[in-house]
C-alpha atoms as a PDB file:
ATOM      1  CA  MET A   1      -0.121 -16.260   1.960  1.00  0.00           C
ATOM      2  CA  ALA A   2      -3.649 -14.880   1.629  1.00  0.00           C
ATOM      3  CA  VAL A   3      -3.431 -13.039   4.939  1.00  0.00           C
ATOM      4  CA  VAL A   4      -0.042 -11.620   3.947  1.00  0.00           C
ATOM      5  CA  ALA A   5      -1.466 -10.448   0.620  1.00  0.00           C
ATOM      6  CA  ILE A   6      -4.203  -8.570   2.492  1.00  0.00           C
ATOM      7  CA  GLY A   7      -1.535  -6.452   4.178  1.00  0.00           C
ATOM      8  CA  CYS A   8       0.414  -5.547   1.030  1.00  0.00           C
ATOM      9  CA  PRO A   9      -1.395  -2.229   0.369  1.00  0.00           C
ATOM     10  CA  VAL A  10      -0.177  -0.860   3.724  1.00  0.00           C
ATOM     11  CA  LEU A  11       3.472  -1.200   2.716  1.00  0.00           C
ATOM     12  CA  PRO A  12       5.455   2.072   2.627  1.00  0.00           C
ATOM     13  CA  GLU A  13       4.998   4.304  -0.402  1.00  0.00           C
ATOM     14  CA  SER A  14       8.624   3.723  -1.382  1.00  0.00           C
ATOM     15  CA  VAL A  15       7.601   0.226  -2.503  1.00  0.00           C
ATOM     16  CA  PRO A  16       6.444   0.208  -6.165  1.00  0.00           C
ATOM     17  CA  ASN A  17       2.687   0.063  -6.699  1.00  0.00           C
ATOM     18  CA  GLN A  18       2.960  -3.256  -8.563  1.00  0.00           C
ATOM     19  CA  LEU A  19       4.306  -4.899  -5.409  1.00  0.00           C
ATOM     20  CA  ARG A  20       1.781  -3.169  -3.178  1.00  0.00           C
ATOM     21  CA  TYR A  21      -1.451  -3.885  -5.034  1.00  0.00           C
ATOM     22  CA  PHE A  22      -0.874  -6.869  -7.349  1.00  0.00           C
ATOM     23  CA  PRO A  23      -0.959  -9.518  -4.554  1.00  0.00           C
ATOM     24  CA  VAL A  24      -4.436  -8.321  -3.540  1.00  0.00           C
ATOM     25  CA  TYR A  25      -5.866 -10.026  -6.626  1.00  0.00           C
ATOM     26  CA  PHE A  26      -4.789 -13.395  -5.215  1.00  0.00           C
ATOM     27  CA  VAL A  27      -6.430 -13.069  -1.779  1.00  0.00           C
ATOM     28  CA  LEU A  28      -9.665 -14.844  -2.669  1.00  0.00           C
ATOM     29  CA  PRO A  29      -8.110 -17.759  -4.615  1.00  0.00           C
ATOM     30  CA  LEU A  30      -5.451 -18.286  -1.941  1.00  0.00           C
ATOM     31  CA  GLY A  31      -8.083 -18.209   0.784  1.00  0.00           C
ATOM     32  CA  VAL A  32     -10.197 -20.812  -0.981  1.00  0.00           C
ATOM     33  CA  TRP A  33      -7.101 -22.941  -1.540  1.00  0.00           C
ATOM     34  CA  ALA A  34      -6.179 -22.715   2.165  1.00  0.00           C
ATOM     35  CA  VAL A  35      -9.650 -23.819   3.262  1.00  0.00           C
ATOM     36  CA  VAL A  36      -9.797 -26.709   0.784  1.00  0.00           C
ATOM     37  CA  SER A  37      -6.302 -28.016   1.510  1.00  0.00           C
ATOM     38  CA  GLY A  38      -6.831 -27.676   5.267  1.00  0.00           C
ATOM     39  CA  ALA A  39     -10.114 -29.576   5.046  1.00  0.00           C
ATOM     40  CA  ILE A  40      -8.484 -32.326   2.987  1.00  0.00           C
ATOM     41  CA  ALA A  41      -5.662 -32.607   5.533  1.00  0.00           C
ATOM     42  CA  LEU A  42      -8.152 -32.802   8.403  1.00  0.00           C
ATOM     43  CA  ARG A  43     -10.094 -35.533   6.586  1.00  0.00           C
ATOM     44  CA  ARG A  44      -6.915 -37.561   6.039  1.00  0.00           C
ATOM     45  CA  MET A  45      -6.073 -37.320   9.751  1.00  0.00           C
ATOM     46  CA  ARG A  46      -9.503 -38.501  10.835  1.00  0.00           C
ATOM     47  CA  GLY A  47      -8.502 -41.924  12.151  1.00  0.00           C
ATOM     48  CA  ASP A  48      -4.990 -41.039  13.367  1.00  0.00           C
ATOM     49  CA  GLU A  49      -5.023 -40.406  17.109  1.00  0.00           C
ATOM     50  CA  GLY A  50      -1.456 -39.076  17.294  1.00  0.00           C
ATOM     51  CA  ALA A  51      -1.807 -36.556  14.452  1.00  0.00           C
ATOM     52  CA  CYS A  52      -1.438 -32.886  15.232  1.00  0.00           C
ATOM     53  CA  ARG A  53      -4.344 -31.046  13.626  1.00  0.00           C
ATOM     54  CA  ASN A  54      -3.139 -27.535  14.496  1.00  0.00           C
ATOM     55  CA  ARG A  55      -1.628 -26.646  11.110  1.00  0.00           C
ATOM     56  CA  ALA A  56      -4.619 -27.896   9.152  1.00  0.00           C
ATOM     57  CA  GLY A  57      -6.988 -26.042  11.470  1.00  0.00           C
ATOM     58  CA  ALA A  58      -4.922 -22.890  11.126  1.00  0.00           C
ATOM     59  CA  GLY A  59      -5.129 -23.184   7.337  1.00  0.00           C
ATOM     60  CA  VAL A  60      -8.899 -23.457   7.465  1.00  0.00           C
ATOM     61  CA  THR A  61      -9.173 -20.557   9.927  1.00  0.00           C
ATOM     62  CA  LEU A  62      -6.834 -18.189   8.100  1.00  0.00           C
ATOM     63  CA  GLY A  63      -8.353 -19.104   4.742  1.00  0.00           C
ATOM     64  CA  THR A  64     -11.796 -18.296   6.107  1.00  0.00           C
ATOM     65  CA  VAL A  65     -10.532 -14.947   7.415  1.00  0.00           C
ATOM     66  CA  ALA A  66      -9.091 -14.141   3.989  1.00  0.00           C
ATOM     67  CA  ILE A  67     -12.312 -15.095   2.180  1.00  0.00           C
ATOM     68  CA  VAL A  68     -14.507 -13.080   4.546  1.00  0.00           C
ATOM     69  CA  THR A  69     -12.199 -10.057   4.308  1.00  0.00           C
ATOM     70  CA  ALA A  70     -12.193 -10.177   0.506  1.00  0.00           C
ATOM     71  CA  VAL A  71     -15.977 -10.555   0.243  1.00  0.00           C
ATOM     72  CA  VAL A  72     -16.630  -7.758   2.755  1.00  0.00           C
ATOM     73  CA  THR A  73     -14.259  -5.454   0.859  1.00  0.00           C
ATOM     74  CA  ILE A  74     -15.945  -6.222  -2.471  1.00  0.00           C
ATOM     75  CA  VAL A  75     -19.441  -5.693  -1.039  1.00  0.00           C
ATOM     76  CA  ARG A  76     -18.368  -2.442   0.603  1.00  0.00           C
ATOM     77  CA  ALA A  77     -16.840  -1.166  -2.647  1.00  0.00           C
ATOM     78  CA  VAL A  78     -19.956  -2.044  -4.641  1.00  0.00           C
ATOM     79  CA  TRP A  79     -22.160  -0.376  -2.042  1.00  0.00           C
ATOM     80  CA  ALA A  80     -20.003   2.755  -2.142  1.00  0.00           C
ATOM     81  CA  LEU A  81     -20.168   2.851  -5.944  1.00  0.00           C
ATOM     82  CA  ILE A  82     -23.942   2.468  -5.939  1.00  0.00           C
ATOM     83  CA  ASN A  83     -24.378   5.348  -3.505  1.00  0.00           C
ATOM     84  CA  ILE A  84     -22.269   7.864  -5.431  1.00  0.00           C
END
């Protein structure tokens, strides 16, 4: 969901602004939630040899991508505001 929320601002202009920009506020919390829940799932599967760890690993990976994207965007915006 965090990665999907990152792409909401690029929706067509016919979509109302509330639907285009409101989900962006949830990118960071959803990313953190994805990393934490993926890590918990991986920890629970530690002793199970037959468990498929792909979904939990994907949650950690995509959550990390969402967190990094959000932090880079915030830092870039602050830097741009400082240099005005």
